[in-house]
PDB file of N, CA and C in Angstrom:
ATOM      1  N   MET A   1     -17.708  -4.051   5.628  1.00  0.00           N
ATOM      2  CA  MET A   1     -17.246  -4.812   4.522  1.00  0.00           C
ATOM      3  C   MET A   1     -17.942  -6.165   4.599  1.00  0.00           C
ATOM      4  N   GLN A   2     -18.424  -6.647   3.467  1.00  0.00           N
ATOM      5  CA  GLN A   2     -19.142  -7.915   3.465  1.00  0.00           C
ATOM      6  C   GLN A   2     -18.414  -8.949   2.616  1.00  0.00           C
ATOM      7  N   PHE A   3     -18.204 -10.121   3.200  1.00  0.00           N
ATOM      8  CA  PHE A   3     -17.566 -11.230   2.509  1.00  0.00           C
ATOM      9  C   PHE A   3     -18.606 -12.310   2.255  1.00  0.00           C
ATOM     10  N   ARG A   4     -18.573 -12.885   1.081  1.00  0.00           N
ATOM     11  CA  ARG A   4     -19.488 -13.973   0.764  1.00  0.00           C
ATOM     12  C   ARG A   4     -18.789 -15.327   0.817  1.00  0.00           C
ATOM     13  N   TRP A   5     -17.476 -15.305   0.933  1.00  0.00           N
ATOM     14  CA  TRP A   5     -16.712 -16.535   1.033  1.00  0.00           C
ATOM     15  C   TRP A   5     -15.545 -16.313   1.963  1.00  0.00           C
ATOM     16  N   SER A   6     -15.251 -17.291   2.769  1.00  0.00           N
ATOM     17  CA  SER A   6     -14.068 -17.281   3.613  1.00  0.00           C
ATOM     18  C   SER A   6     -13.697 -18.733   3.880  1.00  0.00           C
ATOM     19  N   LYS A   7     -12.639 -18.940   4.602  1.00  0.00           N
ATOM     20  CA  LYS A   7     -12.227 -20.308   4.887  1.00  0.00           C
ATOM     21  C   LYS A   7     -13.285 -21.034   5.714  1.00  0.00           C
ATOM     22  N   THR A   8     -14.022 -20.298   6.544  1.00  0.00           N
ATOM     23  CA  THR A   8     -15.056 -20.932   7.370  1.00  0.00           C
ATOM     24  C   THR A   8     -16.434 -20.919   6.716  1.00  0.00           C
ATOM     25  N   ILE A   9     -16.663 -20.059   5.739  1.00  0.00           N
ATOM     26  CA  ILE A   9     -17.946 -20.014   5.005  1.00  0.00           C
ATOM     27  C   ILE A   9     -17.632 -20.341   3.548  1.00  0.00           C
ATOM     28  N   GLN A  10     -17.428 -21.603   3.254  1.00  0.00           N
ATOM     29  CA  GLN A  10     -16.936 -21.998   1.943  1.00  0.00           C
ATOM     30  C   GLN A  10     -18.022 -22.163   0.899  1.00  0.00           C
ATOM     31  N   PHE A  11     -19.266 -22.320   1.289  1.00  0.00           N
ATOM     32  CA  PHE A  11     -20.324 -22.588   0.320  1.00  0.00           C
ATOM     33  C   PHE A  11     -21.279 -21.413   0.155  1.00  0.00           C
ATOM     34  N   ARG A  12     -20.825 -20.227   0.545  1.00  0.00           N
ATOM     35  CA  ARG A  12     -21.602 -18.989   0.397  1.00  0.00           C
ATOM     36  C   ARG A  12     -23.005 -19.102   0.989  1.00  0.00           C
ATOM     37  N   SER A  13     -23.104 -19.810   2.108  1.00  0.00           N
ATOM     38  CA  SER A  13     -24.397 -20.017   2.740  1.00  0.00           C
ATOM     39  C   SER A  13     -24.941 -18.740   3.382  1.00  0.00           C
ATOM     40  N   ARG A  14     -24.045 -17.831   3.736  1.00  0.00           N
ATOM     41  CA  ARG A  14     -24.465 -16.562   4.339  1.00  0.00           C
ATOM     42  C   ARG A  14     -23.320 -15.572   4.218  1.00  0.00           C
ATOM     43  N   PRO A  15     -23.628 -14.304   4.152  1.00  0.00           N
ATOM     44  CA  PRO A  15     -22.552 -13.305   4.115  1.00  0.00           C
ATOM     45  C   PRO A  15     -21.961 -13.104   5.504  1.00  0.00           C
ATOM     46  N   PHE A  16     -20.743 -12.642   5.537  1.00  0.00           N
ATOM     47  CA  PHE A  16     -20.026 -12.371   6.773  1.00  0.00           C
ATOM     48  C   PHE A  16     -19.663 -10.892   6.772  1.00  0.00           C
ATOM     49  N   ASP A  17     -20.230 -10.138   7.708  1.00  0.00           N
ATOM     50  CA  ASP A  17     -19.998  -8.696   7.776  1.00  0.00           C
ATOM     51  C   ASP A  17     -18.884  -8.369   8.765  1.00  0.00           C
ATOM     52  N   VAL A  18     -17.982  -7.495   8.331  1.00  0.00           N
ATOM     53  CA  VAL A  18     -16.908  -7.009   9.195  1.00  0.00           C
ATOM     54  C   VAL A  18     -17.035  -5.491   9.265  1.00  0.00           C
ATOM     55  N   PRO A  19     -17.379  -4.955  10.422  1.00  0.00           N
ATOM     56  CA  PRO A  19     -17.484  -3.496  10.528  1.00  0.00           C
ATOM     57  C   PRO A  19     -16.105  -2.845  10.494  1.00  0.00           C
ATOM     58  N   LEU A  20     -15.992  -1.781   9.722  1.00  0.00           N
ATOM     59  CA  LEU A  20     -14.742  -1.026   9.647  1.00  0.00           C
ATOM     60  C   LEU A  20     -14.993   0.391  10.150  1.00  0.00           C
ATOM     61  N   PRO A  21     -14.234   0.822  11.141  1.00  0.00           N
ATOM     62  CA  PRO A  21     -14.428   2.189  11.626  1.00  0.00           C
ATOM     63  C   PRO A  21     -13.805   3.196  10.660  1.00  0.00           C
ATOM     64  N   ARG A  22     -14.517   4.258  10.395  1.00  0.00           N
ATOM     65  CA  ARG A  22     -13.971   5.339   9.577  1.00  0.00           C
ATOM     66  C   ARG A  22     -13.319   6.333  10.524  1.00  0.00           C
ATOM     67  N   MET A  23     -12.029   6.566  10.315  1.00  0.00           N
ATOM     68  CA  MET A  23     -11.265   7.458  11.174  1.00  0.00           C
ATOM     69  C   MET A  23     -10.902   8.686  10.357  1.00  0.00           C
ATOM     70  N   LYS A  24     -11.754   9.707  10.423  1.00  0.00           N
ATOM     71  CA  LYS A  24     -11.595  10.899   9.593  1.00  0.00           C
ATOM     72  C   LYS A  24     -10.224  11.550   9.793  1.00  0.00           C
ATOM     73  N   ASP A  25      -9.576  11.834   8.655  1.00  0.00           N
ATOM     74  CA  ASP A  25      -8.272  12.514   8.644  1.00  0.00           C
ATOM     75  C   ASP A  25      -7.186  11.775   9.429  1.00  0.00           C
ATOM     76  N   HIS A  26      -7.230  10.444   9.427  1.00  0.00           N
ATOM     77  CA  HIS A  26      -6.222   9.656  10.121  1.00  0.00           C
ATOM     78  C   HIS A  26      -5.488   8.787   9.102  1.00  0.00           C
ATOM     79  N   ASN A  27      -4.176   8.715   9.205  1.00  0.00           N
ATOM     80  CA  ASN A  27      -3.371   7.947   8.248  1.00  0.00           C
ATOM     81  C   ASN A  27      -3.657   6.454   8.270  1.00  0.00           C
ATOM     82  N   LEU A  28      -4.202   5.943   9.356  1.00  0.00           N
ATOM     83  CA  LEU A  28      -4.448   4.508   9.475  1.00  0.00           C
ATOM     84  C   LEU A  28      -5.923   4.139   9.353  1.00  0.00           C
ATOM     85  N   CYS A  29      -6.699   4.949   8.692  1.00  0.00           N
ATOM     86  CA  CYS A  29      -8.124   4.670   8.519  1.00  0.00           C
ATOM     87  C   CYS A  29      -8.301   3.409   7.659  1.00  0.00           C
ATOM     88  N   PRO A  30      -8.943   2.345   8.182  1.00  0.00           N
ATOM     89  CA  PRO A  30      -9.101   1.120   7.410  1.00  0.00           C
ATOM     90  C   PRO A  30      -9.978   1.295   6.174  1.00  0.00           C
ATOM     91  N   VAL A  31     -10.958   2.171   6.232  1.00  0.00           N
ATOM     92  CA  VAL A  31     -11.835   2.395   5.079  1.00  0.00           C
ATOM     93  C   VAL A  31     -11.046   2.998   3.925  1.00  0.00           C
ATOM     94  N   VAL A  32     -10.245   4.007   4.206  1.00  0.00           N
ATOM     95  CA  VAL A  32      -9.407   4.630   3.178  1.00  0.00           C
ATOM     96  C   VAL A  32      -8.397   3.624   2.632  1.00  0.00           C
ATOM     97  N   ALA A  33      -7.830   2.794   3.508  1.00  0.00           N
ATOM     98  CA  ALA A  33      -6.854   1.792   3.072  1.00  0.00           C
ATOM     99  C   ALA A  33      -7.477   0.786   2.103  1.00  0.00           C
ATOM    100  N   ILE A  34      -8.690   0.332   2.387  1.00  0.00           N
ATOM    101  CA  ILE A  34      -9.381  -0.617   1.505  1.00  0.00           C
ATOM    102  C   ILE A  34      -9.665   0.032   0.158  1.00  0.00           C
ATOM    103  N   PHE A  35     -10.167   1.245   0.161  1.00  0.00           N
ATOM    104  CA  PHE A  35     -10.440   1.943  -1.105  1.00  0.00           C
ATOM    105  C   PHE A  35      -9.149   2.163  -1.900  1.00  0.00           C
ATOM    106  N   HIS A  36      -8.069   2.536  -1.210  1.00  0.00           N
ATOM    107  CA  HIS A  36      -6.792   2.757  -1.894  1.00  0.00           C
ATOM    108  C   HIS A  36      -6.280   1.450  -2.515  1.00  0.00           C
ATOM    109  N   ALA A  37      -6.393   0.353  -1.787  1.00  0.00           N
ATOM    110  CA  ALA A  37      -5.954  -0.941  -2.311  1.00  0.00           C
ATOM    111  C   ALA A  37      -6.773  -1.331  -3.544  1.00  0.00           C
ATOM    112  N   ALA A  38      -8.068  -1.087  -3.505  1.00  0.00           N
ATOM    113  CA  ALA A  38      -8.927  -1.415  -4.650  1.00  0.00           C
ATOM    114  C   ALA A  38      -8.581  -0.552  -5.855  1.00  0.00           C
ATOM    115  N   GLN A  39      -8.305   0.721  -5.633  1.00  0.00           N
ATOM    116  CA  GLN A  39      -7.958   1.616  -6.732  1.00  0.00           C
ATOM    117  C   GLN A  39      -6.621   1.251  -7.367  1.00  0.00           C
ATOM    118  N   SER A  40      -5.671   0.817  -6.559  1.00  0.00           N
ATOM    119  CA  SER A  40      -4.331   0.538  -7.080  1.00  0.00           C
ATOM    120  C   SER A  40      -4.211  -0.832  -7.737  1.00  0.00           C
ATOM    121  N   THR A  41      -5.234  -1.663  -7.622  1.00  0.00           N
ATOM    122  CA  THR A  41      -5.188  -3.002  -8.231  1.00  0.00           C
ATOM    123  C   THR A  41      -6.425  -3.250  -9.093  1.00  0.00           C
ATOM    124  N   ARG A  42      -6.834  -2.252  -9.844  1.00  0.00           N
ATOM    125  CA  ARG A  42      -8.027  -2.387 -10.684  1.00  0.00           C
ATOM    126  C   ARG A  42      -7.922  -3.522 -11.695  1.00  0.00           C
ATOM    127  N   GLN A  43      -6.701  -3.831 -12.149  1.00  0.00           N
ATOM    128  CA  GLN A  43      -6.532  -4.862 -13.164  1.00  0.00           C
ATOM    129  C   GLN A  43      -6.566  -6.269 -12.568  1.00  0.00           C
ATOM    130  N   ALA A  44      -6.726  -6.390 -11.260  1.00  0.00           N
ATOM    131  CA  ALA A  44      -6.758  -7.704 -10.607  1.00  0.00           C
ATOM    132  C   ALA A  44      -8.034  -8.458 -10.961  1.00  0.00           C
ATOM    133  N   ASP A  45      -7.962  -9.771 -10.891  1.00  0.00           N
ATOM    134  CA  ASP A  45      -9.098 -10.645 -11.153  1.00  0.00           C
ATOM    135  C   ASP A  45     -10.165 -10.437 -10.087  1.00  0.00           C
ATOM    136  N   ALA A  46     -11.392 -10.149 -10.510  1.00  0.00           N
ATOM    137  CA  ALA A  46     -12.485  -9.907  -9.562  1.00  0.00           C
ATOM    138  C   ALA A  46     -12.788 -11.140  -8.720  1.00  0.00           C
ATOM    139  N   ASN A  47     -12.479 -12.318  -9.216  1.00  0.00           N
ATOM    140  CA  ASN A  47     -12.717 -13.550  -8.464  1.00  0.00           C
ATOM    141  C   ASN A  47     -11.447 -14.064  -7.788  1.00  0.00           C
ATOM    142  N   GLY A  48     -10.404 -13.273  -7.813  1.00  0.00           N
ATOM    143  CA  GLY A  48      -9.130 -13.665  -7.212  1.00  0.00           C
ATOM    144  C   GLY A  48      -9.039 -13.239  -5.763  1.00  0.00           C
ATOM    145  N   PRO A  49      -7.821 -13.238  -5.225  1.00  0.00           N
ATOM    146  CA  PRO A  49      -7.613 -12.848  -3.827  1.00  0.00           C
ATOM    147  C   PRO A  49      -8.058 -11.404  -3.583  1.00  0.00           C
ATOM    148  N   ALA A  50      -8.489 -11.143  -2.359  1.00  0.00           N
ATOM    149  CA  ALA A  50      -8.972  -9.807  -2.010  1.00  0.00           C
ATOM    150  C   ALA A  50      -7.848  -8.783  -1.997  1.00  0.00           C
ATOM    151  N   PHE A  51      -6.650  -9.190  -1.603  1.00  0.00           N
ATOM    152  CA  PHE A  51      -5.547  -8.255  -1.491  1.00  0.00           C
ATOM    153  C   PHE A  51      -4.355  -8.753  -2.295  1.00  0.00           C
ATOM    154  N   VAL A  52      -3.885  -7.915  -3.192  1.00  0.00           N
ATOM    155  CA  VAL A  52      -2.720  -8.229  -4.011  1.00  0.00           C
ATOM    156  C   VAL A  52      -1.788  -7.036  -4.022  1.00  0.00           C
ATOM    157  N   PHE A  53      -0.539  -7.264  -4.401  1.00  0.00           N
ATOM    158  CA  PHE A  53       0.408  -6.171  -4.569  1.00  0.00           C
ATOM    159  C   PHE A  53       1.222  -6.446  -5.819  1.00  0.00           C
ATOM    160  N   SER A  54       1.811  -5.413  -6.360  1.00  0.00           N
ATOM    161  CA  SER A  54       2.524  -5.513  -7.618  1.00  0.00           C
ATOM    162  C   SER A  54       4.014  -5.749  -7.380  1.00  0.00           C
ATOM    163  N   VAL A  55       4.559  -6.759  -8.070  1.00  0.00           N
ATOM    164  CA  VAL A  55       5.991  -7.048  -8.040  1.00  0.00           C
ATOM    165  C   VAL A  55       6.450  -7.110  -9.483  1.00  0.00           C
ATOM    166  N   ASN A  56       7.246  -6.132  -9.887  1.00  0.00           N
ATOM    167  CA  ASN A  56       7.725  -6.052 -11.275  1.00  0.00           C
ATOM    168  C   ASN A  56       6.577  -6.120 -12.290  1.00  0.00           C
ATOM    169  N   GLY A  57       5.477  -5.459 -11.976  1.00  0.00           N
ATOM    170  CA  GLY A  57       4.336  -5.409 -12.882  1.00  0.00           C
ATOM    171  C   GLY A  57       3.400  -6.595 -12.793  1.00  0.00           C
ATOM    172  N   LEU A  58       3.731  -7.607 -11.996  1.00  0.00           N
ATOM    173  CA  LEU A  58       2.856  -8.773 -11.821  1.00  0.00           C
ATOM    174  C   LEU A  58       2.153  -8.676 -10.476  1.00  0.00           C
ATOM    175  N   LEU A  59       0.859  -9.016 -10.463  1.00  0.00           N
ATOM    176  CA  LEU A  59       0.108  -8.966  -9.213  1.00  0.00           C
ATOM    177  C   LEU A  59       0.294 -10.266  -8.446  1.00  0.00           C
ATOM    178  N   LYS A  60       0.686 -10.145  -7.194  1.00  0.00           N
ATOM    179  CA  LYS A  60       0.910 -11.293  -6.317  1.00  0.00           C
ATOM    180  C   LYS A  60      -0.062 -11.206  -5.146  1.00  0.00           C
ATOM    181  N   PRO A  61      -0.611 -12.344  -4.695  1.00  0.00           N
ATOM    182  CA  PRO A  61      -1.520 -12.296  -3.541  1.00  0.00           C
ATOM    183  C   PRO A  61      -0.773 -11.939  -2.266  1.00  0.00           C
ATOM    184  N   LEU A  62      -1.418 -11.156  -1.435  1.00  0.00           N
ATOM    185  CA  LEU A  62      -0.853 -10.797  -0.137  1.00  0.00           C
ATOM    186  C   LEU A  62      -1.161 -11.934   0.827  1.00  0.00           C
ATOM    187  N   ARG A  63      -0.149 -12.569   1.301  1.00  0.00           N
ATOM    188  CA  ARG A  63      -0.319 -13.676   2.241  1.00  0.00           C
ATOM    189  C   ARG A  63       0.221 -13.220   3.586  1.00  0.00           C
ATOM    190  N   VAL A  64      -0.689 -13.033   4.516  1.00  0.00           N
ATOM    191  CA  VAL A  64      -0.327 -12.502   5.832  1.00  0.00           C
ATOM    192  C   VAL A  64       0.667 -13.415   6.531  1.00  0.00           C
ATOM    193  N   ILE A  65       0.538 -14.722   6.358  1.00  0.00           N
ATOM    194  CA  ILE A  65       1.458 -15.641   7.033  1.00  0.00           C
ATOM    195  C   ILE A  65       2.891 -15.404   6.562  1.00  0.00           C
ATOM    196  N   ASN A  66       3.085 -15.092   5.283  1.00  0.00           N
ATOM    197  CA  ASN A  66       4.429 -14.815   4.786  1.00  0.00           C
ATOM    198  C   ASN A  66       5.012 -13.572   5.446  1.00  0.00           C
ATOM    199  N   LEU A  67       4.196 -12.540   5.593  1.00  0.00           N
ATOM    200  CA  LEU A  67       4.660 -11.319   6.247  1.00  0.00           C
ATOM    201  C   LEU A  67       5.015 -11.584   7.705  1.00  0.00           C
ATOM    202  N   TRP A  68       4.192 -12.406   8.374  1.00  0.00           N
ATOM    203  CA  TRP A  68       4.451 -12.731   9.770  1.00  0.00           C
ATOM    204  C   TRP A  68       5.751 -13.514   9.890  1.00  0.00           C
ATOM    205  N   LEU A  69       5.977 -14.488   9.008  1.00  0.00           N
ATOM    206  CA  LEU A  69       7.205 -15.277   9.051  1.00  0.00           C
ATOM    207  C   LEU A  69       8.442 -14.421   8.819  1.00  0.00           C
ATOM    208  N   GLU A  70       8.338 -13.458   7.893  1.00  0.00           N
ATOM    209  CA  GLU A  70       9.454 -12.543   7.680  1.00  0.00           C
ATOM    210  C   GLU A  70       9.735 -11.720   8.937  1.00  0.00           C
ATOM    211  N   TYR A  71       8.667 -11.294   9.586  1.00  0.00           N
ATOM    212  CA  TYR A  71       8.802 -10.466  10.788  1.00  0.00           C
ATOM    213  C   TYR A  71       9.473 -11.241  11.923  1.00  0.00           C
ATOM    214  N   VAL A  72       9.027 -12.472  12.178  1.00  0.00           N
ATOM    215  CA  VAL A  72       9.569 -13.212  13.315  1.00  0.00           C
ATOM    216  C   VAL A  72      10.963 -13.764  13.041  1.00  0.00           C
ATOM    217  N   SER A  73      11.323 -13.904  11.759  1.00  0.00           N
ATOM    218  CA  SER A  73      12.655 -14.435  11.455  1.00  0.00           C
ATOM    219  C   SER A  73      13.700 -13.339  11.358  1.00  0.00           C
ATOM    220  N   ALA A  74      13.272 -12.068  11.397  1.00  0.00           N
ATOM    221  CA  ALA A  74      14.224 -10.942  11.275  1.00  0.00           C
ATOM    222  C   ALA A  74      14.947 -10.688  12.567  1.00  0.00           C
TER     223      ALA A  74
END
């Protein structure tokens, strides 16, 4: 997977490659998960957040810190 922008590469000076292992016939395959996320959020803004989820028909950005805070406060 290639990113052209991140918090550390803010001016698109170089791409940032993240290798994803393909785990054939495995429920936790990251490649399948990325494709599934892209398919389920086709109406999302192409220049918006990379990961979004639907809440009552509205797309909300997935913020990992929020998920972590929910986990540690439970």
